[in-house]
Amino acid sequence: MSPHDEIQNVVVRSIDRADEATVAGLAEAGVATVHEASGRVGLIDPGVRPIQTGVGIAGSAVTVLCPPDDNMMIHAAVEVVSAGDVLVVGTRSPSTHGMFGELLATSLKSRGCSGLVIDAGVRDVADLRRMGFPVWSRAIHAQGTVKETPGAVNVPIVIGATRIDPGDVIVADDDGVMVVSRPTAVGVLQACRQRLEKEHATRSRLGEGELGVDIYGLRAKLEDLGVRWVDRRDD
């Protein structure tokens, strides 16, 4: 049973959030590093993609569950967004309609929202890029929506196979979208810093000409797997 099946129509005003320093540190680390440091869990599937390039954000998730093709609950969610939050929208069944556009972005930007992750479509893409409002979406589609059916705000949602709870930390950049559960965020950040230190040392060695096949101990592994080095193809 999906968490969506048990959710009532409700708008939850207050949620617990990770502290700002932790969120900022995860933003600086970026999606790929956070994913590795998290044990390779929490990555939203690659169908949710950025509409812009060169932008990275992180923030606490304000979650929205919408019926397909209906954006009424996104409007209801704006009121409970705080500065730095990321709005994360899921749907009860698949949708590619343009559920979000420039007017909603203007409203969210006035609240200090860091950006949007939506398991559906967006439109007014040129305007969203022009105004610098970051979006990661399932589709770009001009098809409009209605405002007829209730849903929920700040309840657990699922995008693809990834669960997002209100207050989880969302990290998003050109590599995709990563969800870090709020209780683990501090530990994940510590693991990120250790990983970045190690990568810095490795980068220096690679820059000096050392080979990755030797740094990572892959030469012996390749030999154990039956790979052999020859001078020419006909040897």
C-alpha atoms as a PDB file:
ATOM      1  CA  MET A   1       0.000   0.000   0.000  1.00  0.00           C
ATOM      2  CA  SER A   2       1.330   3.442  -0.946  1.00  0.00           C
ATOM      3  CA  PRO A   3       1.479   6.203   1.705  1.00  0.00           C
ATOM      4  CA  HIS A   4      -0.833   8.107  -0.627  1.00  0.00           C
ATOM      5  CA  ASP A   5      -3.622   5.586   0.038  1.00  0.00           C
ATOM      6  CA  GLU A   6      -3.810   6.494   3.739  1.00  0.00           C
ATOM      7  CA  ILE A   7      -3.668  10.298   3.487  1.00  0.00           C
ATOM      8  CA  GLN A   8      -6.611  12.500   4.324  1.00  0.00           C
ATOM      9  CA  ASN A   9      -7.275  15.953   2.902  1.00  0.00           C
ATOM     10  CA  VAL A  10      -5.277  18.230   5.195  1.00  0.00           C
ATOM     11  CA  VAL A  11      -2.915  21.223   5.221  1.00  0.00           C
ATOM     12  CA  VAL A  12      -0.295  20.883   7.963  1.00  0.00           C
ATOM     13  CA  ARG A  13       1.031  24.333   8.851  1.00  0.00           C
ATOM     14  CA  SER A  14       4.147  23.488  10.898  1.00  0.00           C
ATOM     15  CA  ILE A  15       6.952  20.992  10.209  1.00  0.00           C
ATOM     16  CA  ASP A  16      10.379  20.259  11.686  1.00  0.00           C
ATOM     17  CA  ARG A  17      13.320  21.336   9.538  1.00  0.00           C
ATOM     18  CA  ALA A  18      17.043  20.612   9.444  1.00  0.00           C
ATOM     19  CA  ASP A  19      19.236  23.468  10.653  1.00  0.00           C
ATOM     20  CA  GLU A  20      20.386  26.015   8.089  1.00  0.00           C
ATOM     21  CA  ALA A  21      24.089  25.150   8.348  1.00  0.00           C
ATOM     22  CA  THR A  22      23.417  21.499   7.551  1.00  0.00           C
ATOM     23  CA  VAL A  23      21.232  22.408   4.572  1.00  0.00           C
ATOM     24  CA  ALA A  24      23.871  24.809   3.268  1.00  0.00           C
ATOM     25  CA  GLY A  25      26.600  22.192   3.630  1.00  0.00           C
ATOM     26  CA  LEU A  26      24.598  19.623   1.681  1.00  0.00           C
ATOM     27  CA  ALA A  27      23.922  22.191  -1.044  1.00  0.00           C
ATOM     28  CA  GLU A  28      27.651  22.844  -1.363  1.00  0.00           C
ATOM     29  CA  ALA A  29      28.422  19.111  -1.560  1.00  0.00           C
ATOM     30  CA  GLY A  30      25.969  18.570  -4.423  1.00  0.00           C
ATOM     31  CA  VAL A  31      23.746  15.690  -5.465  1.00  0.00           C
ATOM     32  CA  ALA A  32      26.403  13.180  -6.561  1.00  0.00           C
ATOM     33  CA  THR A  33      28.464  13.491  -3.381  1.00  0.00           C
ATOM     34  CA  VAL A  34      25.402  13.454  -1.128  1.00  0.00           C
ATOM     35  CA  HIS A  35      24.115  10.346  -2.896  1.00  0.00           C
ATOM     36  CA  GLU A  36      27.379   8.474  -2.366  1.00  0.00           C
ATOM     37  CA  ALA A  37      27.673   9.683   1.238  1.00  0.00           C
ATOM     38  CA  SER A  38      24.113   8.514   1.930  1.00  0.00           C
ATOM     39  CA  GLY A  39      24.910   4.963   0.923  1.00  0.00           C
ATOM     40  CA  ARG A  40      23.410   5.454  -2.553  1.00  0.00           C
ATOM     41  CA  VAL A  41      19.832   5.817  -1.326  1.00  0.00           C
ATOM     42  CA  GLY A  42      17.384   8.706  -1.713  1.00  0.00           C
ATOM     43  CA  LEU A  43      17.929   9.598  -5.360  1.00  0.00           C
ATOM     44  CA  ILE A  44      14.770  10.493  -7.278  1.00  0.00           C
ATOM     45  CA  ASP A  45      14.562   8.760 -10.656  1.00  0.00           C
ATOM     46  CA  PRO A  46      16.126  10.529 -13.669  1.00  0.00           C
ATOM     47  CA  GLY A  47      12.752  11.292 -15.228  1.00  0.00           C
ATOM     48  CA  VAL A  48      12.609  14.353 -12.944  1.00  0.00           C
ATOM     49  CA  ARG A  49      15.032  16.749 -14.598  1.00  0.00           C
ATOM     50  CA  PRO A  50      16.125  20.386 -14.292  1.00  0.00           C
ATOM     51  CA  ILE A  51      14.679  22.932 -16.709  1.00  0.00           C
ATOM     52  CA  GLN A  52      17.814  25.088 -16.219  1.00  0.00           C
ATOM     53  CA  THR A  53      21.545  24.402 -16.073  1.00  0.00           C
ATOM     54  CA  GLY A  54      24.245  25.404 -13.648  1.00  0.00           C
ATOM     55  CA  VAL A  55      21.934  25.785 -10.648  1.00  0.00           C
ATOM     56  CA  GLY A  56      22.163  23.905  -7.350  1.00  0.00           C
ATOM     57  CA  ILE A  57      19.849  24.281  -4.358  1.00  0.00           C
ATOM     58  CA  ALA A  58      19.015  22.615  -1.067  1.00  0.00           C
ATOM     59  CA  GLY A  59      16.193  23.189   1.366  1.00  0.00           C
ATOM     60  CA  SER A  60      13.615  21.589   3.607  1.00  0.00           C
ATOM     61  CA  ALA A  61      10.780  19.868   1.787  1.00  0.00           C
ATOM     62  CA  VAL A  62       7.281  21.270   1.944  1.00  0.00           C
ATOM     63  CA  THR A  63       5.370  18.405   0.378  1.00  0.00           C
ATOM     64  CA  VAL A  64       2.191  18.558  -1.683  1.00  0.00           C
ATOM     65  CA  LEU A  65      -0.020  15.694  -2.804  1.00  0.00           C
ATOM     66  CA  CYS A  66      -2.266  16.605  -5.733  1.00  0.00           C
ATOM     67  CA  PRO A  67      -4.855  14.739  -7.748  1.00  0.00           C
ATOM     68  CA  PRO A  68      -3.627  14.377 -11.331  1.00  0.00           C
ATOM     69  CA  ASP A  69      -4.116  17.453 -13.506  1.00  0.00           C
ATOM     70  CA  ASP A  70      -5.307  19.596 -10.567  1.00  0.00           C
ATOM     71  CA  ASN A  71      -3.053  22.228  -8.954  1.00  0.00           C
ATOM     72  CA  MET A  72      -5.360  23.590  -6.250  1.00  0.00           C
ATOM     73  CA  MET A  73      -3.218  22.169  -3.433  1.00  0.00           C
ATOM     74  CA  ILE A  74      -0.092  23.876  -4.780  1.00  0.00           C
ATOM     75  CA  HIS A  75      -1.877  27.190  -4.245  1.00  0.00           C
ATOM     76  CA  ALA A  76      -2.826  26.044  -0.731  1.00  0.00           C
ATOM     77  CA  ALA A  77       0.801  25.133   0.013  1.00  0.00           C
ATOM     78  CA  VAL A  78       2.230  28.586  -0.701  1.00  0.00           C
ATOM     79  CA  GLU A  79       0.926  29.873   2.635  1.00  0.00           C
ATOM     80  CA  VAL A  80       3.021  27.413   4.669  1.00  0.00           C
ATOM     81  CA  VAL A  81       6.297  27.825   2.763  1.00  0.00           C
ATOM     82  CA  SER A  82       9.140  29.478   4.684  1.00  0.00           C
ATOM     83  CA  ALA A  83      12.295  31.075   3.294  1.00  0.00           C
ATOM     84  CA  GLY A  84      14.710  28.454   2.025  1.00  0.00           C
ATOM     85  CA  ASP A  85      12.138  25.675   1.630  1.00  0.00           C
ATOM     86  CA  VAL A  86      11.799  23.555  -1.507  1.00  0.00           C
ATOM     87  CA  LEU A  87       8.263  22.777  -2.664  1.00  0.00           C
ATOM     88  CA  VAL A  88       7.962  19.104  -3.601  1.00  0.00           C
ATOM     89  CA  VAL A  89       4.834  18.034  -5.482  1.00  0.00           C
ATOM     90  CA  GLY A  90       3.613  14.493  -6.047  1.00  0.00           C
ATOM     91  CA  THR A  91       0.409  13.249  -7.648  1.00  0.00           C
ATOM     92  CA  ARG A  92      -1.957  10.422  -6.754  1.00  0.00           C
ATOM     93  CA  SER A  93      -1.547   8.991 -10.260  1.00  0.00           C
ATOM     94  CA  PRO A  94       0.720   9.906 -13.189  1.00  0.00           C
ATOM     95  CA  SER A  95       0.322  13.358 -14.730  1.00  0.00           C
ATOM     96  CA  THR A  96       2.251  15.424 -17.255  1.00  0.00           C
ATOM     97  CA  HIS A  97      -0.082  18.449 -17.299  1.00  0.00           C
ATOM     98  CA  GLY A  98       1.495  21.858 -16.765  1.00  0.00           C
ATOM     99  CA  MET A  99       0.551  22.156 -13.099  1.00  0.00           C
ATOM    100  CA  PHE A 100       2.978  25.009 -12.350  1.00  0.00           C
ATOM    101  CA  GLY A 101       3.936  28.181 -14.147  1.00  0.00           C
ATOM    102  CA  GLU A 102       5.154  31.745 -13.824  1.00  0.00           C
ATOM    103  CA  LEU A 103       2.338  33.042 -11.600  1.00  0.00           C
ATOM    104  CA  LEU A 104       2.794  30.348  -8.956  1.00  0.00           C
ATOM    105  CA  ALA A 105       6.561  30.855  -9.155  1.00  0.00           C
ATOM    106  CA  THR A 106       6.075  34.567  -8.498  1.00  0.00           C
ATOM    107  CA  SER A 107       4.010  33.738  -5.429  1.00  0.00           C
ATOM    108  CA  LEU A 108       6.546  31.224  -4.105  1.00  0.00           C
ATOM    109  CA  LYS A 109       9.485  33.518  -4.809  1.00  0.00           C
ATOM    110  CA  SER A 110       7.866  36.206  -2.662  1.00  0.00           C
ATOM    111  CA  ARG A 111       7.944  33.687   0.238  1.00  0.00           C
ATOM    112  CA  GLY A 112      11.658  32.984  -0.254  1.00  0.00           C
ATOM    113  CA  CYS A 113      11.110  29.493  -1.700  1.00  0.00           C
ATOM    114  CA  SER A 114      14.345  27.999  -3.058  1.00  0.00           C
ATOM    115  CA  GLY A 115      12.733  26.053  -5.897  1.00  0.00           C
ATOM    116  CA  LEU A 116      10.327  23.352  -7.027  1.00  0.00           C
ATOM    117  CA  VAL A 117      10.521  19.599  -7.553  1.00  0.00           C
ATOM    118  CA  ILE A 118       7.394  18.249  -9.245  1.00  0.00           C
ATOM    119  CA  ASP A 119       6.383  14.795 -10.419  1.00  0.00           C
ATOM    120  CA  ALA A 120       4.301  16.330 -13.234  1.00  0.00           C
ATOM    121  CA  GLY A 121       4.607  19.036 -15.870  1.00  0.00           C
ATOM    122  CA  VAL A 122       5.442  22.728 -15.799  1.00  0.00           C
ATOM    123  CA  ARG A 123       4.873  25.490 -18.329  1.00  0.00           C
ATOM    124  CA  ASP A 124       5.973  29.119 -18.839  1.00  0.00           C
ATOM    125  CA  VAL A 125       9.476  27.684 -18.909  1.00  0.00           C
ATOM    126  CA  ALA A 126      11.089  30.713 -20.541  1.00  0.00           C
ATOM    127  CA  ASP A 127       9.593  32.928 -17.837  1.00  0.00           C
ATOM    128  CA  LEU A 128      10.724  30.575 -15.065  1.00  0.00           C
ATOM    129  CA  ARG A 129      14.271  30.686 -16.418  1.00  0.00           C
ATOM    130  CA  ARG A 130      14.169  34.445 -16.847  1.00  0.00           C
ATOM    131  CA  MET A 131      13.031  35.022 -13.268  1.00  0.00           C
ATOM    132  CA  GLY A 132      15.625  32.578 -11.920  1.00  0.00           C
ATOM    133  CA  PHE A 133      13.193  30.224 -10.204  1.00  0.00           C
ATOM    134  CA  PRO A 134      14.772  26.725 -10.207  1.00  0.00           C
ATOM    135  CA  VAL A 135      12.551  23.810 -11.235  1.00  0.00           C
ATOM    136  CA  TRP A 136      13.018  20.054 -11.574  1.00  0.00           C
ATOM    137  CA  SER A 137      10.039  18.453 -13.316  1.00  0.00           C
ATOM    138  CA  ARG A 138       8.786  15.251 -14.893  1.00  0.00           C
ATOM    139  CA  ALA A 139       7.650  17.053 -18.063  1.00  0.00           C
ATOM    140  CA  ILE A 140       7.363  20.370 -19.830  1.00  0.00           C
ATOM    141  CA  HIS A 141       3.810  20.642 -21.094  1.00  0.00           C
ATOM    142  CA  ALA A 142       1.498  23.588 -21.793  1.00  0.00           C
ATOM    143  CA  GLN A 143      -1.655  21.585 -21.034  1.00  0.00           C
ATOM    144  CA  GLY A 144      -3.624  23.420 -18.325  1.00  0.00           C
ATOM    145  CA  THR A 145      -5.104  22.103 -15.099  1.00  0.00           C
ATOM    146  CA  VAL A 146      -8.237  22.537 -12.971  1.00  0.00           C
ATOM    147  CA  LYS A 147      -8.779  23.488  -9.336  1.00  0.00           C
ATOM    148  CA  GLU A 148     -11.509  21.129  -8.210  1.00  0.00           C
ATOM    149  CA  THR A 149     -10.282  18.226  -6.085  1.00  0.00           C
ATOM    150  CA  PRO A 150      -8.688  18.353  -2.619  1.00  0.00           C
ATOM    151  CA  GLY A 151      -5.353  16.833  -1.721  1.00  0.00           C
ATOM    152  CA  ALA A 152      -2.870  17.416   1.101  1.00  0.00           C
ATOM    153  CA  VAL A 153       0.070  19.570   2.178  1.00  0.00           C
ATOM    154  CA  ASN A 154       2.961  18.450   4.386  1.00  0.00           C
ATOM    155  CA  VAL A 155       2.225  14.747   4.329  1.00  0.00           C
ATOM    156  CA  PRO A 156       4.488  11.904   3.146  1.00  0.00           C
ATOM    157  CA  ILE A 157       4.582  11.590  -0.649  1.00  0.00           C
ATOM    158  CA  VAL A 158       6.288   9.279  -3.117  1.00  0.00           C
ATOM    159  CA  ILE A 159       7.995  10.269  -6.368  1.00  0.00           C
ATOM    160  CA  GLY A 160       8.987   7.240  -8.400  1.00  0.00           C
ATOM    161  CA  ALA A 161      10.194   4.840  -5.712  1.00  0.00           C
ATOM    162  CA  THR A 162      11.456   7.552  -3.348  1.00  0.00           C
ATOM    163  CA  ARG A 163       9.547   8.630  -0.254  1.00  0.00           C
ATOM    164  CA  ILE A 164       9.720  12.264   0.825  1.00  0.00           C
ATOM    165  CA  ASP A 165       8.597  13.301   4.293  1.00  0.00           C
ATOM    166  CA  PRO A 166       7.914  16.927   5.219  1.00  0.00           C
ATOM    167  CA  GLY A 167      11.132  18.517   6.449  1.00  0.00           C
ATOM    168  CA  ASP A 168      13.461  16.115   4.625  1.00  0.00           C
ATOM    169  CA  VAL A 169      16.365  17.900   2.970  1.00  0.00           C
ATOM    170  CA  ILE A 170      16.121  18.201  -0.813  1.00  0.00           C
ATOM    171  CA  VAL A 171      19.375  18.635  -2.742  1.00  0.00           C
ATOM    172  CA  ALA A 172      18.973  19.364  -6.456  1.00  0.00           C
ATOM    173  CA  ASP A 173      21.360  20.334  -9.240  1.00  0.00           C
ATOM    174  CA  ASP A 174      22.287  19.352 -12.801  1.00  0.00           C
ATOM    175  CA  ASP A 175      22.746  15.733 -11.653  1.00  0.00           C
ATOM    176  CA  GLY A 176      19.147  15.350 -10.439  1.00  0.00           C
ATOM    177  CA  VAL A 177      17.309  15.408  -7.123  1.00  0.00           C
ATOM    178  CA  MET A 178      18.384  13.800  -3.856  1.00  0.00           C
ATOM    179  CA  VAL A 179      16.292  13.333  -0.688  1.00  0.00           C
ATOM    180  CA  VAL A 180      18.053  13.183   2.683  1.00  0.00           C
ATOM    181  CA  SER A 181      15.832  12.209   5.600  1.00  0.00           C
ATOM    182  CA  ARG A 182      15.924  14.957   8.220  1.00  0.00           C
ATOM    183  CA  PRO A 183      17.123  12.710  11.103  1.00  0.00           C
ATOM    184  CA  THR A 184      20.147  11.578   9.064  1.00  0.00           C
ATOM    185  CA  ALA A 185      21.101  14.949   7.570  1.00  0.00           C
ATOM    186  CA  VAL A 186      23.893  15.832  10.018  1.00  0.00           C
ATOM    187  CA  GLY A 187      25.533  12.412   9.650  1.00  0.00           C
ATOM    188  CA  VAL A 188      25.268  12.554   5.863  1.00  0.00           C
ATOM    189  CA  LEU A 189      26.940  15.962   5.854  1.00  0.00           C
ATOM    190  CA  GLN A 190      29.828  14.600   7.917  1.00  0.00           C
ATOM    191  CA  ALA A 191      30.208  11.727   5.457  1.00  0.00           C
ATOM    192  CA  CYS A 192      30.139  14.225   2.575  1.00  0.00           C
ATOM    193  CA  ARG A 193      32.999  16.219   4.086  1.00  0.00           C
ATOM    194  CA  GLN A 194      35.102  13.082   4.529  1.00  0.00           C
ATOM    195  CA  ARG A 195      34.393  12.069   0.944  1.00  0.00           C
ATOM    196  CA  LEU A 196      35.277  15.522  -0.393  1.00  0.00           C
ATOM    197  CA  GLU A 197      38.589  15.454   1.483  1.00  0.00           C
ATOM    198  CA  LYS A 198      39.429  12.092  -0.061  1.00  0.00           C
ATOM    199  CA  GLU A 199      38.398  13.314  -3.521  1.00  0.00           C
ATOM    200  CA  HIS A 200      40.614  16.381  -3.141  1.00  0.00           C
ATOM    201  CA  ALA A 201      43.642  14.161  -2.494  1.00  0.00           C
ATOM    202  CA  THR A 202      42.730  11.880  -5.406  1.00  0.00           C
ATOM    203  CA  ARG A 203      42.245  14.856  -7.720  1.00  0.00           C
ATOM    204  CA  SER A 204      45.755  16.058  -6.929  1.00  0.00           C
ATOM    205  CA  ARG A 205      47.227  12.645  -7.715  1.00  0.00           C
ATOM    206  CA  LEU A 206      45.303  12.401 -10.997  1.00  0.00           C
ATOM    207  CA  GLY A 207      46.409  15.915 -11.911  1.00  0.00           C
ATOM    208  CA  GLU A 208      50.013  14.882 -11.435  1.00  0.00           C
ATOM    209  CA  GLY A 209      49.560  12.054 -13.948  1.00  0.00           C
ATOM    210  CA  GLU A 210      48.955   9.082 -11.671  1.00  0.00           C
ATOM    211  CA  LEU A 211      46.483   6.600 -13.137  1.00  0.00           C
ATOM    212  CA  GLY A 212      43.108   5.819 -11.620  1.00  0.00           C
ATOM    213  CA  VAL A 213      43.657   2.146 -12.388  1.00  0.00           C
ATOM    214  CA  ASP A 214      46.561   2.247  -9.906  1.00  0.00           C
ATOM    215  CA  ILE A 215      45.077   4.646  -7.338  1.00  0.00           C
ATOM    216  CA  TYR A 216      41.966   2.500  -6.970  1.00  0.00           C
ATOM    217  CA  GLY A 217      43.840  -0.814  -7.021  1.00  0.00           C
ATOM    218  CA  LEU A 218      42.099  -1.887 -10.227  1.00  0.00           C
ATOM    219  CA  ARG A 219      45.125  -3.330 -12.032  1.00  0.00           C
ATOM    220  CA  ALA A 220      45.302  -6.407  -9.801  1.00  0.00           C
ATOM    221  CA  LYS A 221      41.536  -6.771  -9.870  1.00  0.00           C
ATOM    222  CA  LEU A 222      41.510  -6.737 -13.661  1.00  0.00           C
ATOM    223  CA  GLU A 223      44.217  -9.373 -13.734  1.00  0.00           C
ATOM    224  CA  ASP A 224      42.236 -11.543 -11.309  1.00  0.00           C
ATOM    225  CA  LEU A 225      39.272 -11.234 -13.690  1.00  0.00           C
ATOM    226  CA  GLY A 226      41.354 -12.518 -16.584  1.00  0.00           C
ATOM    227  CA  VAL A 227      42.251  -9.248 -18.287  1.00  0.00           C
ATOM    228  CA  ARG A 228      45.760  -9.238 -19.756  1.00  0.00           C
ATOM    229  CA  TRP A 229      47.907  -6.471 -21.214  1.00  0.00           C
ATOM    230  CA  VAL A 230      49.440  -6.995 -24.683  1.00  0.00           C
ATOM    231  CA  ASP A 231      51.522  -4.671 -26.819  1.00  0.00           C
ATOM    232  CA  ARG A 232      49.517  -5.250 -29.991  1.00  0.00           C
ATOM    233  CA  ARG A 233      46.160  -6.723 -30.901  1.00  0.00           C
ATOM    234  CA  ASP A 234      47.758  -9.707 -32.635  1.00  0.00           C
ATOM    235  CA  ASP A 235      49.974 -10.691 -29.659  1.00  0.00           C
END
